[in-house]
Amino acid sequence: MKLTITVLNKEGIIKDVSTGEDSVKMVYRDGYSDGDMIKITTDTPFRFYQIKIDETIEKCIVYLTKNEWYYMIDFNELNKSLHPNAFDKSVHYLYVKAAQPNSLLSFNPLDQKENYGMYPHVHANVETAGNSAFACLNVIDGLDANTHHGKWPYTSWGIAGRKDASLTIEFGRMVRIEKVIIYLRAQFPHDSWWCEGKLELNNELRAKLLFEKTEKKQIYYFDNIETNQIHLYDLIKADDQSEFPSLTLIEVYGEDIH
């Protein structure tokens, strides 16, 4: 298995490159500029990889379905959704290596709107003002700080008041789901909350979820349901004065179907 990490500028000119077998690492010393790209290349897609691209972003195990994956560096956006020091400083340590699947199926802090074949991947039918602090990507970034709203670490999915707001997490392959944990944003009384919603796990199972007004995690169990995605919809807002129900984090637990 051949793996490569390449750093390119916005014109596609290579700034640094490192290659390895089964694993690859890079110590990048030149610093990043706005528009730079990190490219990961593998000759063995449809496999799991553990990836670390910045000191401020947790390592994660993801499923790659393409030979090339890109991460776009946009400092304007990073100031809202990632740690304030993300991709800052002059020295960085990056690595990629083959991995085994994790029971946490929904963790991917590297997810982007433009999906280059990395899973899990999330998308929604609405986001608040296109602001990355309220992007749907935030529900799989692993951050459960939900007693405030705005920049890192209080990122969330905002719905701009849409009554038909819905969100989908794709896994890129078939999995068995045992448990779903949901953290509603809970900056009360600034925030409202959803009192119920529906979760579609496949074409045959649509589960009704009842939510409480709490900052604590809310757990829902399933009997090893097989699916390649989950879809959250029919969210019903509580009858209160706030206009801001929001979702901080979804954790989906289970196993891959081999």
Protein backbone atom coordinates (compact mmCIF):
# COMPACT_ATOMS: atom_id res chain seq x y z
CA MET A 1 0.00 0.00 0.00
CA LYS A 2 1.49 3.32 -1.07
CA LEU A 3 0.48 6.50 0.79
CA THR A 4 1.47 10.08 0.02
CA ILE A 5 0.98 13.42 1.75
CA THR A 6 1.37 16.50 -0.45
CA VAL A 7 1.09 20.16 0.50
CA LEU A 8 0.20 22.43 -2.43
CA ASN A 9 -0.46 26.14 -2.79
CA LYS A 10 -3.68 27.48 -4.31
CA GLU A 11 -2.14 27.32 -7.80
CA GLY A 12 -1.44 23.61 -7.33
CA ILE A 13 2.33 24.00 -6.99
CA ILE A 14 3.89 21.44 -4.62
CA LYS A 15 5.34 22.90 -1.41
CA ASP A 16 6.25 19.57 0.23
CA VAL A 17 5.65 15.86 -0.32
CA SER A 18 6.23 12.65 1.63
CA THR A 19 5.59 9.01 0.64
CA GLY A 20 5.51 5.74 2.57
CA GLU A 21 4.33 2.14 2.55
CA ASP A 22 1.32 1.38 4.82
CA SER A 23 2.00 4.63 6.66
CA VAL A 24 3.41 8.05 5.86
CA LYS A 25 4.45 11.00 8.00
CA MET A 26 5.53 14.55 7.29
CA VAL A 27 7.14 17.32 9.32
CA TYR A 28 6.07 20.42 7.45
CA ARG A 29 8.13 23.54 8.26
CA ASP A 30 7.18 26.17 5.68
CA GLY A 31 3.90 27.41 7.16
CA TYR A 32 0.53 27.60 5.44
CA SER A 33 -1.01 30.36 3.35
CA ASP A 34 -4.67 30.94 2.62
CA GLY A 35 -5.77 28.61 -0.18
CA ASP A 36 -3.15 25.94 0.48
CA MET A 37 -4.26 22.33 0.14
CA ILE A 38 -3.28 19.11 1.89
CA LYS A 39 -3.64 16.13 -0.44
CA ILE A 40 -3.62 12.51 0.69
CA THR A 41 -3.11 9.88 -2.00
CA THR A 42 -3.56 6.11 -1.67
CA ASP A 43 -3.35 3.30 -4.18
CA THR A 44 -5.77 1.29 -2.01
CA PRO A 45 -9.17 3.02 -1.63
CA PHE A 46 -12.19 1.47 0.10
CA ARG A 47 -10.17 1.10 3.29
CA PHE A 48 -9.91 2.67 6.72
CA TYR A 49 -7.15 5.14 7.52
CA GLN A 50 -6.11 7.02 10.63
CA ILE A 51 -5.31 10.61 9.71
CA LYS A 52 -3.78 13.54 11.58
CA ILE A 53 -3.25 16.81 9.70
CA ASP A 54 -2.89 19.44 12.44
CA GLU A 55 -2.04 19.63 16.12
CA THR A 56 -5.39 21.28 16.92
CA ILE A 57 -7.53 18.69 15.12
CA GLU A 58 -7.99 15.25 16.68
CA LYS A 59 -6.75 12.21 14.80
CA CYS A 60 -9.61 10.25 13.30
CA ILE A 61 -10.31 6.94 11.59
CA VAL A 62 -12.11 7.48 8.30
CA TYR A 63 -13.15 5.43 5.27
CA LEU A 64 -11.69 6.56 1.93
CA THR A 65 -13.42 5.61 -1.33
CA LYS A 66 -11.19 7.54 -3.75
CA ASN A 67 -7.49 7.59 -4.52
CA GLU A 68 -7.11 11.29 -3.69
CA TRP A 69 -8.51 13.38 -0.84
CA TYR A 70 -8.02 17.12 -0.36
CA TYR A 71 -8.28 19.42 2.64
CA MET A 72 -8.68 23.09 1.72
CA ILE A 73 -7.17 25.66 4.10
CA ASP A 74 -9.33 28.76 4.47
CA PHE A 75 -8.24 30.96 7.35
CA ASN A 76 -11.44 33.01 7.35
CA GLU A 77 -13.49 29.90 7.95
CA LEU A 78 -11.03 28.36 10.40
CA ASN A 79 -11.40 31.32 12.72
CA LYS A 80 -15.03 30.30 13.28
CA SER A 81 -15.22 26.50 13.31
CA LEU A 82 -11.73 25.30 14.27
CA HIS A 83 -9.32 26.07 17.10
CA PRO A 84 -7.92 29.64 16.81
CA ASN A 85 -4.41 28.22 16.27
CA ALA A 86 -5.40 25.73 13.57
CA PHE A 87 -2.73 25.52 10.85
CA ASP A 88 -0.86 28.33 12.59
CA LYS A 89 2.84 28.34 13.56
CA SER A 90 5.70 27.19 11.34
CA VAL A 91 6.12 23.48 12.15
CA HIS A 92 3.45 20.80 11.70
CA TYR A 93 3.37 17.01 12.05
CA LEU A 94 1.06 15.08 9.73
CA TYR A 95 0.54 11.36 9.27
CA VAL A 96 -1.66 8.77 7.55
CA LYS A 97 -1.68 5.05 8.24
CA ALA A 98 -3.84 2.01 7.58
CA ALA A 99 -6.34 1.38 10.38
CA GLN A 100 -9.17 -0.83 11.58
CA PRO A 101 -12.76 0.46 11.85
CA ASN A 102 -13.88 2.16 15.05
CA SER A 103 -17.15 1.55 16.90
CA LEU A 104 -17.79 5.31 16.78
CA LEU A 105 -19.06 5.56 13.21
CA SER A 106 -19.83 9.28 13.07
CA PHE A 107 -16.57 11.01 14.02
CA ASN A 108 -14.83 13.02 11.30
CA PRO A 109 -13.45 16.48 12.19
CA LEU A 110 -11.94 16.61 8.67
CA ASP A 111 -15.30 16.60 6.89
CA GLN A 112 -15.92 19.35 4.31
CA LYS A 113 -18.87 20.47 2.20
CA GLU A 114 -17.05 19.26 -0.89
CA ASN A 115 -16.71 15.55 -0.27
CA TYR A 116 -13.60 13.95 -1.82
CA GLY A 117 -14.55 10.40 -0.92
CA MET A 118 -14.03 10.55 2.86
CA TYR A 119 -16.64 9.14 5.26
CA PRO A 120 -18.48 9.75 7.49
CA HIS A 121 -19.84 12.79 5.63
CA VAL A 122 -22.73 15.02 6.66
CA HIS A 123 -25.00 17.35 4.68
CA ALA A 124 -28.18 19.29 5.47
CA ASN A 125 -30.89 21.23 3.67
CA VAL A 126 -30.15 24.45 5.59
CA GLU A 127 -27.42 26.19 7.60
CA THR A 128 -27.53 29.54 9.39
CA ALA A 129 -26.26 32.29 7.06
CA GLY A 130 -23.57 30.04 5.60
CA ASN A 131 -21.58 30.59 8.80
CA SER A 132 -19.13 27.75 9.52
CA ALA A 133 -19.78 28.10 13.26
CA PHE A 134 -23.29 26.82 12.49
CA ALA A 135 -22.47 24.35 9.70
CA CYS A 136 -23.85 20.83 9.72
CA LEU A 137 -20.26 19.53 9.63
CA ASN A 138 -20.01 20.47 13.29
CA VAL A 139 -22.28 17.63 14.42
CA ILE A 140 -19.55 15.05 13.67
CA ASP A 141 -16.49 17.01 14.85
CA GLY A 142 -16.49 15.36 18.30
CA LEU A 143 -17.06 18.57 20.27
CA ASP A 144 -19.84 18.30 22.88
CA ALA A 145 -19.49 21.81 24.39
CA ASN A 146 -23.14 22.83 24.13
CA THR A 147 -23.80 25.53 26.75
CA HIS A 148 -22.95 28.42 24.43
CA HIS A 149 -23.01 29.19 20.68
CA GLY A 150 -20.57 30.55 18.12
CA LYS A 151 -16.88 29.93 17.52
CA TRP A 152 -14.86 26.85 18.55
CA PRO A 153 -15.46 24.95 20.78
CA TYR A 154 -19.16 25.92 20.81
CA THR A 155 -19.87 25.05 17.21
CA SER A 156 -23.28 23.64 16.25
CA TRP A 157 -25.71 23.11 13.38
CA GLY A 158 -27.99 26.11 13.03
CA ILE A 159 -31.19 25.90 10.98
CA ALA A 160 -32.08 29.58 10.36
CA GLY A 161 -35.62 28.99 11.62
CA ARG A 162 -36.46 26.39 8.96
CA LYS A 163 -39.34 24.19 10.12
CA ASP A 164 -38.38 21.48 7.61
CA ALA A 165 -34.69 21.35 8.59
CA SER A 166 -33.11 17.94 8.03
CA LEU A 167 -29.67 16.42 8.21
CA THR A 168 -28.05 13.27 6.79
CA ILE A 169 -24.88 11.43 7.84
CA GLU A 170 -23.48 9.12 5.17
CA PHE A 171 -21.12 6.27 6.12
CA GLY A 172 -19.94 5.32 2.62
CA ARG A 173 -20.59 1.60 3.24
CA MET A 174 -23.06 -0.62 5.11
CA VAL A 175 -22.87 -0.60 8.91
CA ARG A 176 -24.85 -1.98 11.84
CA ILE A 177 -26.12 0.67 14.25
CA GLU A 178 -26.51 -0.10 17.95
CA LYS A 179 -26.78 3.33 19.58
CA VAL A 180 -27.20 7.00 18.72
CA ILE A 181 -26.27 9.78 21.16
CA ILE A 182 -27.50 13.33 20.59
CA TYR A 183 -26.38 16.56 22.28
CA LEU A 184 -28.78 19.44 21.73
CA ARG A 185 -27.36 22.93 22.06
CA ALA A 186 -28.42 24.09 25.51
CA GLN A 187 -27.68 27.77 26.01
CA PHE A 188 -31.02 28.34 27.70
CA PRO A 189 -32.91 30.70 27.54
CA HIS A 190 -31.10 31.94 24.41
CA ASP A 191 -31.74 28.55 22.83
CA SER A 192 -34.94 26.70 22.26
CA TRP A 193 -34.92 22.92 21.79
CA TRP A 194 -36.67 20.26 19.78
CA CYS A 195 -39.10 18.19 21.78
CA GLU A 196 -39.16 15.44 19.17
CA GLY A 197 -37.91 14.35 15.77
CA LYS A 198 -37.61 11.35 13.50
CA LEU A 199 -34.56 9.28 12.58
CA GLU A 200 -34.61 7.25 9.37
CA LEU A 201 -31.98 4.50 9.48
CA ASN A 202 -32.98 2.71 6.28
CA ASN A 203 -35.99 2.44 4.01
CA GLU A 204 -37.75 0.20 6.53
CA LEU A 205 -37.06 1.81 9.92
CA ARG A 206 -38.11 5.30 10.93
CA ALA A 207 -37.77 5.88 14.66
CA LYS A 208 -39.43 8.65 16.67
CA LEU A 209 -37.02 10.42 19.02
CA LEU A 210 -38.25 12.27 22.09
CA PHE A 211 -35.91 14.99 23.37
CA GLU A 212 -35.58 16.63 26.77
CA LYS A 213 -34.54 20.18 27.60
CA THR A 214 -31.05 19.34 28.85
CA GLU A 215 -27.37 19.83 28.15
CA LYS A 216 -26.77 16.15 28.89
CA LYS A 217 -26.42 13.48 26.22
CA GLN A 218 -29.60 11.74 25.10
CA ILE A 219 -29.22 8.07 24.15
CA TYR A 220 -31.29 5.96 21.75
CA TYR A 221 -30.72 2.22 21.27
CA PHE A 222 -31.27 0.14 18.13
CA ASP A 223 -31.12 -3.58 17.40
CA ASN A 224 -28.12 -3.68 15.03
CA ILE A 225 -29.95 -1.91 12.22
CA GLU A 226 -28.16 -2.23 8.85
CA THR A 227 -27.87 0.96 6.83
CA ASN A 228 -25.44 3.16 4.91
CA GLN A 229 -26.74 6.45 6.35
CA ILE A 230 -29.01 8.08 8.91
CA HIS A 231 -31.44 10.92 8.23
CA LEU A 232 -32.71 13.27 10.98
CA TYR A 233 -35.93 15.14 10.11
CA ASP A 234 -39.42 16.21 11.27
CA LEU A 235 -37.87 18.22 14.10
CA ILE A 236 -40.56 19.85 16.24
CA LYS A 237 -39.58 22.93 18.24
CA ALA A 238 -40.69 23.35 21.82
CA ASP A 239 -43.34 25.97 22.56
CA ASP A 240 -41.15 28.72 23.99
CA GLN A 241 -39.99 32.25 23.12
CA SER A 242 -36.59 31.44 21.64
CA GLU A 243 -36.15 31.04 17.88
CA PHE A 244 -32.92 29.05 18.07
CA PRO A 245 -33.12 25.27 18.42
CA SER A 246 -29.78 23.80 17.42
CA LEU A 247 -27.80 20.56 17.40
CA THR A 248 -24.26 20.27 18.79
CA LEU A 249 -23.21 16.66 18.28
CA ILE A 250 -24.37 13.26 17.01
CA GLU A 251 -22.49 10.10 17.98
CA VAL A 252 -23.43 6.92 16.12
CA TYR A 253 -22.08 3.63 17.51
CA GLY A 254 -22.02 0.22 15.87
CA GLU A 255 -19.88 -1.92 13.60
CA ASP A 256 -19.01 -2.43 9.97
CA ILE A 257 -20.58 -5.20 7.92
CA HIS A 258 -17.77 -7.33 6.54
